[in-house]
Amino acid sequence: MYNWTGRTISKDPFIVYKKKIKPSVPRIVSTIAYNSILLRESDQIKDLRLTINYLSE
């Protein structure tokens, strides 16, 4: 969420004087879901690599 806030401010730095910059609830929930899927896949890839290394020894 910090990256999203930073990108939003970098597009228009004076927006901080116009309104509060905070992500919406749907954006937060979708980011959590997206990150949990990515983490799960990266853990599965690590497990697969460890298994392949173990079997190749």
N, C-alpha and C. Protein backbone atom coordinates (compact mmCIF):
# COMPACT_ATOMS: atom_id res chain seq x y z
N MET A 1 0.81 -1.18 0.00
CA MET A 1 0.00 0.00 0.00
C MET A 1 0.87 1.26 0.00
N TYR A 2 2.05 1.15 0.58
CA TYR A 2 2.96 2.30 0.55
C TYR A 2 3.39 2.61 -0.88
N ASN A 3 3.63 1.56 -1.67
CA ASN A 3 4.01 1.78 -3.07
C ASN A 3 2.90 2.47 -3.83
N TRP A 4 1.66 2.04 -3.60
CA TRP A 4 0.52 2.68 -4.28
C TRP A 4 0.43 4.15 -3.89
N THR A 5 0.57 4.43 -2.59
CA THR A 5 0.50 5.82 -2.13
C THR A 5 1.62 6.65 -2.75
N GLY A 6 2.82 6.09 -2.79
CA GLY A 6 3.96 6.80 -3.38
C GLY A 6 3.76 7.09 -4.86
N ARG A 7 3.24 6.09 -5.59
CA ARG A 7 2.99 6.31 -7.03
C ARG A 7 1.92 7.37 -7.24
N THR A 8 0.89 7.36 -6.40
CA THR A 8 -0.19 8.34 -6.53
C THR A 8 0.33 9.75 -6.27
N ILE A 9 1.15 9.90 -5.25
CA ILE A 9 1.71 11.21 -4.93
C ILE A 9 2.71 11.65 -6.00
N SER A 10 3.49 10.70 -6.54
CA SER A 10 4.48 11.08 -7.55
C SER A 10 3.81 11.57 -8.84
N LYS A 11 2.61 11.08 -9.12
CA LYS A 11 1.89 11.56 -10.31
C LYS A 11 1.47 13.01 -10.15
N ASP A 12 1.05 13.39 -8.94
CA ASP A 12 0.60 14.76 -8.68
C ASP A 12 0.95 15.11 -7.24
N PRO A 13 2.15 15.66 -6.98
CA PRO A 13 2.58 15.93 -5.61
C PRO A 13 1.65 16.87 -4.83
N PHE A 14 0.96 17.75 -5.51
CA PHE A 14 0.10 18.71 -4.81
C PHE A 14 -1.24 18.11 -4.41
N ILE A 15 -1.45 16.85 -4.73
CA ILE A 15 -2.70 16.20 -4.35
C ILE A 15 -2.82 16.08 -2.83
N VAL A 16 -1.67 16.07 -2.15
CA VAL A 16 -1.72 15.96 -0.69
C VAL A 16 -2.35 17.19 -0.05
N TYR A 17 -2.35 18.30 -0.76
CA TYR A 17 -3.00 19.50 -0.24
C TYR A 17 -4.49 19.52 -0.56
N LYS A 18 -4.91 18.70 -1.54
CA LYS A 18 -6.30 18.69 -1.97
C LYS A 18 -7.14 17.69 -1.19
N LYS A 19 -6.58 16.51 -0.91
CA LYS A 19 -7.34 15.46 -0.23
C LYS A 19 -6.40 14.48 0.43
N LYS A 20 -6.97 13.62 1.28
CA LYS A 20 -6.19 12.56 1.90
C LYS A 20 -5.91 11.49 0.85
N ILE A 21 -4.72 10.96 0.92
CA ILE A 21 -4.33 9.90 0.00
C ILE A 21 -4.31 8.60 0.79
N LYS A 22 -5.33 7.79 0.57
CA LYS A 22 -5.37 6.48 1.22
C LYS A 22 -6.09 5.51 0.30
N PRO A 23 -5.65 4.26 0.30
CA PRO A 23 -6.27 3.27 -0.58
C PRO A 23 -7.67 2.91 -0.11
N SER A 24 -8.51 2.53 -1.05
CA SER A 24 -9.86 2.11 -0.71
C SER A 24 -9.84 0.70 -0.13
N VAL A 25 -10.91 0.34 0.54
CA VAL A 25 -11.00 -1.00 1.14
C VAL A 25 -10.91 -2.09 0.07
N PRO A 26 -11.61 -1.97 -1.07
CA PRO A 26 -11.45 -3.01 -2.10
C PRO A 26 -10.00 -3.13 -2.61
N ARG A 27 -9.29 -2.01 -2.71
CA ARG A 27 -7.89 -2.07 -3.14
C ARG A 27 -7.05 -2.83 -2.11
N ILE A 28 -7.29 -2.59 -0.84
CA ILE A 28 -6.54 -3.27 0.21
C ILE A 28 -6.81 -4.77 0.17
N VAL A 29 -8.09 -5.14 0.08
CA VAL A 29 -8.46 -6.56 0.07
C VAL A 29 -7.90 -7.26 -1.16
N SER A 30 -8.00 -6.62 -2.32
CA SER A 30 -7.48 -7.25 -3.53
C SER A 30 -5.96 -7.38 -3.49
N THR A 31 -5.27 -6.42 -2.89
CA THR A 31 -3.82 -6.51 -2.76
C THR A 31 -3.43 -7.65 -1.82
N ILE A 32 -4.17 -7.80 -0.73
CA ILE A 32 -3.90 -8.91 0.20
C ILE A 32 -4.09 -10.24 -0.51
N ALA A 33 -5.17 -10.38 -1.26
CA ALA A 33 -5.43 -11.63 -1.98
C ALA A 33 -4.34 -11.90 -3.01
N TYR A 34 -3.97 -10.89 -3.76
CA TYR A 34 -2.93 -11.03 -4.78
C TYR A 34 -1.60 -11.44 -4.15
N ASN A 35 -1.21 -10.77 -3.07
CA ASN A 35 0.06 -11.09 -2.42
C ASN A 35 0.04 -12.49 -1.81
N SER A 36 -1.09 -12.91 -1.26
CA SER A 36 -1.14 -14.24 -0.67
C SER A 36 -1.00 -15.32 -1.74
N ILE A 37 -1.56 -15.08 -2.92
CA ILE A 37 -1.40 -16.04 -4.02
C ILE A 37 0.06 -16.08 -4.47
N LEU A 38 0.69 -14.92 -4.59
CA LEU A 38 2.10 -14.88 -5.00
C LEU A 38 2.99 -15.58 -3.99
N LEU A 39 2.75 -15.35 -2.70
CA LEU A 39 3.57 -15.98 -1.67
C LEU A 39 3.38 -17.49 -1.68
N ARG A 40 2.15 -17.94 -1.86
CA ARG A 40 1.88 -19.37 -1.90
C ARG A 40 2.61 -20.01 -3.07
N GLU A 41 2.57 -19.37 -4.23
CA GLU A 41 3.25 -19.91 -5.41
C GLU A 41 4.76 -19.91 -5.22
N SER A 42 5.31 -18.86 -4.61
CA SER A 42 6.76 -18.82 -4.42
C SER A 42 7.20 -19.89 -3.43
N ASP A 43 6.37 -20.18 -2.41
CA ASP A 43 6.69 -21.25 -1.47
C ASP A 43 6.66 -22.60 -2.17
N GLN A 44 5.71 -22.80 -3.06
CA GLN A 44 5.62 -24.06 -3.80
C GLN A 44 6.83 -24.22 -4.71
N ILE A 45 7.27 -23.15 -5.32
CA ILE A 45 8.45 -23.22 -6.19
C ILE A 45 9.69 -23.55 -5.38
N LYS A 46 9.83 -22.95 -4.19
CA LYS A 46 10.97 -23.26 -3.33
C LYS A 46 10.95 -24.73 -2.94
N ASP A 47 9.77 -25.25 -2.56
CA ASP A 47 9.67 -26.66 -2.19
C ASP A 47 10.04 -27.56 -3.35
N LEU A 48 9.61 -27.21 -4.54
CA LEU A 48 9.92 -28.00 -5.72
C LEU A 48 11.42 -27.99 -5.99
N ARG A 49 12.06 -26.85 -5.86
CA ARG A 49 13.51 -26.76 -6.08
C ARG A 49 14.27 -27.59 -5.05
N LEU A 50 13.83 -27.53 -3.79
CA LEU A 50 14.48 -28.33 -2.75
C LEU A 50 14.33 -29.82 -3.04
N THR A 51 13.16 -30.22 -3.49
CA THR A 51 12.93 -31.62 -3.81
C THR A 51 13.80 -32.07 -4.97
N ILE A 52 13.89 -31.25 -6.00
CA ILE A 52 14.72 -31.59 -7.16
C ILE A 52 16.18 -31.68 -6.75
N ASN A 53 16.65 -30.76 -5.94
CA ASN A 53 18.04 -30.80 -5.48
C ASN A 53 18.30 -32.04 -4.64
N TYR A 54 17.34 -32.39 -3.79
CA TYR A 54 17.49 -33.56 -2.94
C TYR A 54 17.54 -34.84 -3.77
N LEU A 55 16.67 -34.92 -4.77
CA LEU A 55 16.62 -36.12 -5.61
C LEU A 55 17.83 -36.23 -6.52
N SER A 56 18.43 -35.12 -6.88
CA SER A 56 19.57 -35.17 -7.79
C SER A 56 20.87 -35.54 -7.08
N GLU A 57 20.87 -35.51 -5.77
CA GLU A 57 22.10 -35.85 -5.02
C GLU A 57 22.30 -37.32 -4.87
